[in-house]
């Protein structure tokens, strides 16, 4: 019998997002708050570019939770989310920005599997 592949919901979301050109991973360069994530790598995007997108904590205490972005400030690379994470993303945490809700990718994957 052959090996059975196993993938998590997160793997599925990331794979589908990659196919459509969504998901921008970044590493935080300063400690944020429960409603902000900060990365100087994002300063190349204009103010409000990421508004209404989704920010996901991928490696911090609030791992695998995503929140809708309510404001983006180019000058500092600060992403502000509308609903607080359970824990603030500190410096050196992997986060990602998605133009579409990560939950939509989970739904699409579930439909495709059926």
N, C-alpha and C. Protein backbone atom coordinates (compact mmCIF):
# COMPACT_ATOMS: atom_id res chain seq x y z
N UNK A 1 0.83 -1.17 0.00
CA UNK A 1 0.00 0.00 0.00
C UNK A 1 0.88 1.24 0.00
N UNK A 2 0.53 2.25 -0.81
CA UNK A 2 1.32 3.48 -0.90
C UNK A 2 1.08 4.39 0.29
N UNK A 3 1.97 5.35 0.43
CA UNK A 3 1.84 6.33 1.52
C UNK A 3 0.65 7.24 1.24
N UNK A 4 0.00 7.62 2.29
CA UNK A 4 -1.14 8.51 2.17
C UNK A 4 -0.67 9.92 2.53
N UNK A 5 -0.90 10.85 1.62
CA UNK A 5 -0.48 12.24 1.86
C UNK A 5 -1.45 12.90 2.83
N UNK A 6 -0.91 13.74 3.68
CA UNK A 6 -1.72 14.46 4.64
C UNK A 6 -1.38 15.95 4.53
N UNK A 7 -2.40 16.77 4.49
CA UNK A 7 -2.18 18.21 4.43
C UNK A 7 -3.10 18.89 5.42
N UNK A 8 -2.64 19.95 6.00
CA UNK A 8 -3.46 20.70 6.92
C UNK A 8 -4.28 21.73 6.17
N UNK A 9 -5.24 22.30 6.86
CA UNK A 9 -6.05 23.37 6.29
C UNK A 9 -5.16 24.53 5.87
N UNK A 10 -4.14 24.83 6.65
CA UNK A 10 -3.22 25.92 6.34
C UNK A 10 -2.46 25.60 5.05
N UNK A 11 -1.96 24.38 4.90
CA UNK A 11 -1.26 23.99 3.67
C UNK A 11 -2.16 24.16 2.46
N UNK A 12 -3.40 23.75 2.60
CA UNK A 12 -4.37 23.86 1.51
C UNK A 12 -4.58 25.31 1.12
N UNK A 13 -4.82 26.17 2.11
CA UNK A 13 -5.03 27.60 1.83
C UNK A 13 -3.84 28.20 1.11
N UNK A 14 -2.63 27.91 1.61
CA UNK A 14 -1.43 28.49 1.01
C UNK A 14 -1.20 27.99 -0.41
N UNK A 15 -1.48 26.74 -0.66
CA UNK A 15 -1.29 26.18 -2.01
C UNK A 15 -2.25 26.82 -3.01
N UNK A 16 -3.49 26.97 -2.62
CA UNK A 16 -4.47 27.58 -3.53
C UNK A 16 -4.14 29.06 -3.73
N UNK A 17 -3.80 29.76 -2.66
CA UNK A 17 -3.47 31.19 -2.77
C UNK A 17 -2.27 31.40 -3.69
N UNK A 18 -1.29 30.51 -3.62
CA UNK A 18 -0.12 30.63 -4.49
C UNK A 18 -0.51 30.50 -5.96
N UNK A 19 -1.48 29.66 -6.24
CA UNK A 19 -1.92 29.46 -7.63
C UNK A 19 -2.59 30.70 -8.21
N UNK A 20 -3.22 31.50 -7.36
CA UNK A 20 -3.91 32.71 -7.85
C UNK A 20 -3.10 33.98 -7.59
N UNK A 21 -1.90 33.83 -7.06
CA UNK A 21 -1.04 34.99 -6.83
C UNK A 21 -1.39 35.81 -5.61
N UNK A 22 -2.05 35.19 -4.65
CA UNK A 22 -2.40 35.87 -3.40
C UNK A 22 -1.42 35.41 -2.32
N UNK A 23 -1.39 36.05 -1.20
CA UNK A 23 -0.58 35.76 -0.02
C UNK A 23 0.82 36.33 -0.12
N UNK A 24 1.07 37.35 0.69
CA UNK A 24 2.38 37.97 0.78
C UNK A 24 2.93 37.74 2.18
N UNK A 25 3.86 36.79 2.35
CA UNK A 25 4.44 36.57 3.67
C UNK A 25 5.45 37.67 4.01
N UNK A 26 5.54 38.02 5.28
CA UNK A 26 6.53 38.99 5.74
C UNK A 26 6.90 38.67 7.18
N UNK A 27 8.04 39.20 7.61
CA UNK A 27 8.49 39.01 8.99
C UNK A 27 8.40 40.35 9.70
N UNK A 28 7.80 40.35 10.87
CA UNK A 28 7.66 41.60 11.61
C UNK A 28 9.04 42.08 12.06
N UNK A 29 9.24 43.40 11.99
CA UNK A 29 10.54 43.97 12.35
C UNK A 29 10.48 44.76 13.65
N UNK A 30 9.30 44.85 14.21
CA UNK A 30 9.11 45.51 15.51
C UNK A 30 7.92 44.85 16.18
N UNK A 31 7.87 44.94 17.49
CA UNK A 31 6.72 44.39 18.21
C UNK A 31 5.48 45.19 17.87
N UNK A 32 4.41 44.49 17.61
CA UNK A 32 3.14 45.15 17.35
C UNK A 32 2.29 45.12 18.61
N UNK A 33 1.02 45.36 18.42
CA UNK A 33 0.06 45.25 19.52
C UNK A 33 -0.94 44.17 19.14
N UNK A 34 -1.97 44.00 19.91
CA UNK A 34 -2.97 42.99 19.55
C UNK A 34 -3.76 43.40 18.31
N UNK A 35 -3.58 44.65 17.86
CA UNK A 35 -4.27 45.10 16.64
C UNK A 35 -3.32 45.60 15.55
N UNK A 36 -2.00 45.41 15.74
CA UNK A 36 -1.06 45.85 14.71
C UNK A 36 0.06 44.84 14.49
N UNK A 37 0.56 44.82 13.26
CA UNK A 37 1.76 44.08 12.89
C UNK A 37 2.63 45.06 12.11
N UNK A 38 3.93 45.09 12.40
CA UNK A 38 4.82 46.08 11.81
C UNK A 38 5.97 45.39 11.07
N UNK A 39 6.20 45.84 9.82
CA UNK A 39 7.33 45.32 9.06
C UNK A 39 7.82 46.37 8.07
N UNK A 40 9.09 46.69 8.15
CA UNK A 40 9.66 47.66 7.20
C UNK A 40 9.66 47.11 5.77
N UNK A 41 9.51 45.81 5.61
CA UNK A 41 9.44 45.22 4.27
C UNK A 41 8.19 45.66 3.52
N UNK A 42 7.21 46.19 4.24
CA UNK A 42 5.95 46.60 3.61
C UNK A 42 5.92 48.06 3.20
N UNK A 43 6.98 48.81 3.50
CA UNK A 43 6.95 50.26 3.24
C UNK A 43 6.93 50.63 1.76
N UNK A 44 7.11 49.69 0.88
CA UNK A 44 7.04 49.96 -0.55
C UNK A 44 5.62 50.04 -1.09
N UNK A 45 4.65 49.69 -0.28
CA UNK A 45 3.25 49.76 -0.70
C UNK A 45 2.65 51.09 -0.26
N UNK A 46 1.78 51.70 -1.06
CA UNK A 46 1.22 52.99 -0.68
C UNK A 46 0.25 52.88 0.51
N UNK A 47 0.04 54.02 1.18
CA UNK A 47 -0.94 54.08 2.27
C UNK A 47 -2.25 53.45 1.82
N UNK A 48 -2.86 52.73 2.73
CA UNK A 48 -4.18 52.11 2.53
C UNK A 48 -4.22 50.98 1.49
N UNK A 49 -3.06 50.61 0.93
CA UNK A 49 -3.03 49.56 -0.08
C UNK A 49 -3.62 48.25 0.43
N UNK A 50 -3.34 47.92 1.68
CA UNK A 50 -3.79 46.64 2.23
C UNK A 50 -5.12 46.74 2.97
N UNK A 51 -5.76 47.91 2.96
CA UNK A 51 -7.06 48.04 3.61
C UNK A 51 -8.04 47.02 3.02
N UNK A 52 -8.83 46.40 3.87
CA UNK A 52 -9.82 45.39 3.50
C UNK A 52 -9.21 44.07 3.06
N UNK A 53 -7.90 43.93 3.16
CA UNK A 53 -7.25 42.63 2.93
C UNK A 53 -7.29 41.89 4.27
N UNK A 54 -6.56 40.80 4.38
CA UNK A 54 -6.52 40.01 5.61
C UNK A 54 -5.08 39.79 6.03
N UNK A 55 -4.82 39.89 7.32
CA UNK A 55 -3.49 39.66 7.87
C UNK A 55 -3.55 38.42 8.76
N UNK A 56 -2.64 37.50 8.51
CA UNK A 56 -2.61 36.26 9.28
C UNK A 56 -1.30 36.16 10.07
N UNK A 57 -1.42 35.82 11.34
CA UNK A 57 -0.26 35.51 12.18
C UNK A 57 0.08 34.06 11.88
N UNK A 58 1.29 33.81 11.37
CA UNK A 58 1.66 32.45 10.98
C UNK A 58 2.59 31.74 11.95
N UNK A 59 3.24 32.49 12.86
CA UNK A 59 4.18 31.80 13.74
C UNK A 59 4.17 32.31 15.17
N UNK A 60 3.36 33.29 15.47
CA UNK A 60 3.32 33.84 16.83
C UNK A 60 2.34 33.11 17.72
N UNK A 61 2.05 33.71 18.86
CA UNK A 61 1.14 33.10 19.84
C UNK A 61 -0.28 32.99 19.30
N UNK A 62 -0.64 33.85 18.35
CA UNK A 62 -1.97 33.80 17.74
C UNK A 62 -1.91 33.07 16.39
N UNK A 63 -1.02 32.10 16.30
CA UNK A 63 -0.75 31.39 15.05
C UNK A 63 -2.02 30.90 14.36
N UNK A 64 -2.02 31.07 13.04
CA UNK A 64 -3.10 30.63 12.15
C UNK A 64 -4.40 31.39 12.31
N UNK A 65 -4.35 32.54 12.96
CA UNK A 65 -5.57 33.37 13.02
C UNK A 65 -5.37 34.56 12.10
N UNK A 66 -6.43 34.93 11.42
CA UNK A 66 -6.35 36.06 10.50
C UNK A 66 -7.43 37.08 10.84
N UNK A 67 -7.11 38.32 10.54
CA UNK A 67 -8.01 39.43 10.83
C UNK A 67 -8.08 40.36 9.62
N UNK A 68 -9.22 41.01 9.44
CA UNK A 68 -9.36 41.97 8.34
C UNK A 68 -8.58 43.24 8.65
N UNK A 69 -7.87 43.75 7.65
CA UNK A 69 -7.06 44.96 7.80
C UNK A 69 -7.97 46.19 7.70
N UNK A 70 -7.87 47.07 8.70
CA UNK A 70 -8.66 48.30 8.68
C UNK A 70 -7.85 49.50 8.24
N UNK A 71 -6.50 49.41 8.36
CA UNK A 71 -5.65 50.53 7.94
C UNK A 71 -4.24 50.04 7.69
N UNK A 72 -3.60 50.65 6.70
CA UNK A 72 -2.20 50.36 6.43
C UNK A 72 -1.45 51.68 6.30
N UNK A 73 -0.35 51.83 7.06
CA UNK A 73 0.48 53.03 7.02
C UNK A 73 1.81 52.72 6.36
N UNK A 74 2.05 53.32 5.20
CA UNK A 74 3.28 53.07 4.44
C UNK A 74 4.53 53.49 5.21
N UNK A 75 4.49 54.64 5.87
CA UNK A 75 5.69 55.20 6.49
C UNK A 75 6.36 54.24 7.48
N UNK A 76 5.57 53.48 8.19
CA UNK A 76 6.13 52.56 9.19
C UNK A 76 5.93 51.09 8.84
N UNK A 77 5.15 50.81 7.78
CA UNK A 77 4.83 49.43 7.43
C UNK A 77 3.91 48.79 8.46
N UNK A 78 3.02 49.60 9.03
CA UNK A 78 2.11 49.11 10.07
C UNK A 78 0.77 48.70 9.48
N UNK A 79 0.41 47.46 9.75
CA UNK A 79 -0.89 46.92 9.37
C UNK A 79 -1.75 46.94 10.62
N UNK A 80 -2.90 47.61 10.54
CA UNK A 80 -3.83 47.65 11.67
C UNK A 80 -5.03 46.79 11.33
N UNK A 81 -5.40 45.91 12.24
CA UNK A 81 -6.54 45.03 12.02
C UNK A 81 -7.74 45.52 12.83
N UNK A 82 -8.93 45.22 12.32
CA UNK A 82 -10.14 45.70 12.95
C UNK A 82 -10.53 44.96 14.22
N UNK A 83 -10.15 43.71 14.33
CA UNK A 83 -10.47 42.89 15.49
C UNK A 83 -9.18 42.35 16.06
N UNK A 84 -8.99 42.46 17.35
CA UNK A 84 -7.71 42.12 17.99
C UNK A 84 -7.41 40.63 17.92
N UNK A 85 -6.11 40.33 17.79
CA UNK A 85 -5.62 38.97 17.97
C UNK A 85 -5.61 38.68 19.47
N UNK A 86 -5.55 37.43 19.83
CA UNK A 86 -5.50 37.04 21.25
C UNK A 86 -4.17 37.46 21.87
N UNK A 87 -3.13 37.57 21.04
CA UNK A 87 -1.81 37.93 21.52
C UNK A 87 -1.13 38.81 20.48
N UNK A 88 -0.33 39.76 20.92
CA UNK A 88 0.35 40.68 20.00
C UNK A 88 1.49 39.98 19.27
N UNK A 89 1.60 40.20 17.93
CA UNK A 89 2.75 39.65 17.21
C UNK A 89 4.02 40.43 17.56
N UNK A 90 4.99 39.78 18.12
CA UNK A 90 6.24 40.43 18.47
C UNK A 90 7.15 40.58 17.27
N UNK A 91 8.35 41.02 17.47
CA UNK A 91 9.33 41.15 16.40
C UNK A 91 9.82 39.76 15.97
N UNK A 92 10.03 39.59 14.67
CA UNK A 92 10.52 38.31 14.16
C UNK A 92 9.45 37.27 13.92
N UNK A 93 8.20 37.67 13.90
CA UNK A 93 7.08 36.75 13.69
C UNK A 93 6.72 36.73 12.20
N UNK A 94 6.45 35.56 11.67
CA UNK A 94 6.01 35.45 10.28
C UNK A 94 4.51 35.74 10.24
N UNK A 95 4.15 36.68 9.40
CA UNK A 95 2.75 37.01 9.14
C UNK A 95 2.56 36.99 7.63
N UNK A 96 1.34 37.10 7.17
CA UNK A 96 1.10 37.19 5.74
C UNK A 96 -0.12 38.05 5.49
N UNK A 97 -0.14 38.65 4.32
CA UNK A 97 -1.27 39.47 3.88
C UNK A 97 -1.94 38.76 2.71
N UNK A 98 -3.24 38.75 2.74
CA UNK A 98 -4.05 38.09 1.72
C UNK A 98 -5.08 39.08 1.20
N UNK A 99 -5.25 39.17 -0.10
CA UNK A 99 -6.28 40.05 -0.66
C UNK A 99 -7.67 39.45 -0.46
N UNK A 100 -7.75 38.14 -0.41
CA UNK A 100 -9.02 37.45 -0.19
C UNK A 100 -8.95 36.72 1.15
N UNK A 101 -10.07 36.51 1.76
CA UNK A 101 -10.12 35.85 3.05
C UNK A 101 -9.53 34.44 2.97
N UNK A 102 -8.61 34.10 3.88
CA UNK A 102 -8.09 32.74 3.90
C UNK A 102 -9.20 31.69 4.06
N UNK A 103 -10.29 32.05 4.71
CA UNK A 103 -11.41 31.12 4.87
C UNK A 103 -12.01 30.75 3.51
N UNK A 104 -11.99 31.68 2.56
CA UNK A 104 -12.52 31.40 1.23
C UNK A 104 -11.70 30.32 0.53
N UNK A 105 -10.39 30.30 0.80
CA UNK A 105 -9.54 29.26 0.22
C UNK A 105 -9.83 27.90 0.83
N UNK A 106 -10.13 27.89 2.12
CA UNK A 106 -10.49 26.63 2.78
C UNK A 106 -11.78 26.09 2.16
N UNK A 107 -12.75 26.95 1.95
CA UNK A 107 -14.02 26.54 1.34
C UNK A 107 -13.77 26.01 -0.07
N UNK A 108 -12.97 26.74 -0.85
CA UNK A 108 -12.67 26.29 -2.22
C UNK A 108 -11.98 24.94 -2.21
N UNK A 109 -11.07 24.72 -1.29
CA UNK A 109 -10.39 23.43 -1.20
C UNK A 109 -11.35 22.31 -0.82
N UNK A 110 -12.24 22.59 0.10
CA UNK A 110 -13.22 21.57 0.50
C UNK A 110 -14.13 21.19 -0.67
N UNK A 111 -14.52 22.19 -1.44
CA UNK A 111 -15.36 21.93 -2.61
C UNK A 111 -14.59 21.10 -3.64
N UNK A 112 -13.34 21.46 -3.87
CA UNK A 112 -12.52 20.74 -4.85
C UNK A 112 -12.30 19.29 -4.43
N UNK A 113 -12.14 19.05 -3.15
CA UNK A 113 -11.91 17.69 -2.65
C UNK A 113 -13.13 16.81 -2.88
N UNK A 114 -14.31 17.42 -2.71
CA UNK A 114 -15.53 16.64 -2.94
C UNK A 114 -15.64 16.22 -4.36
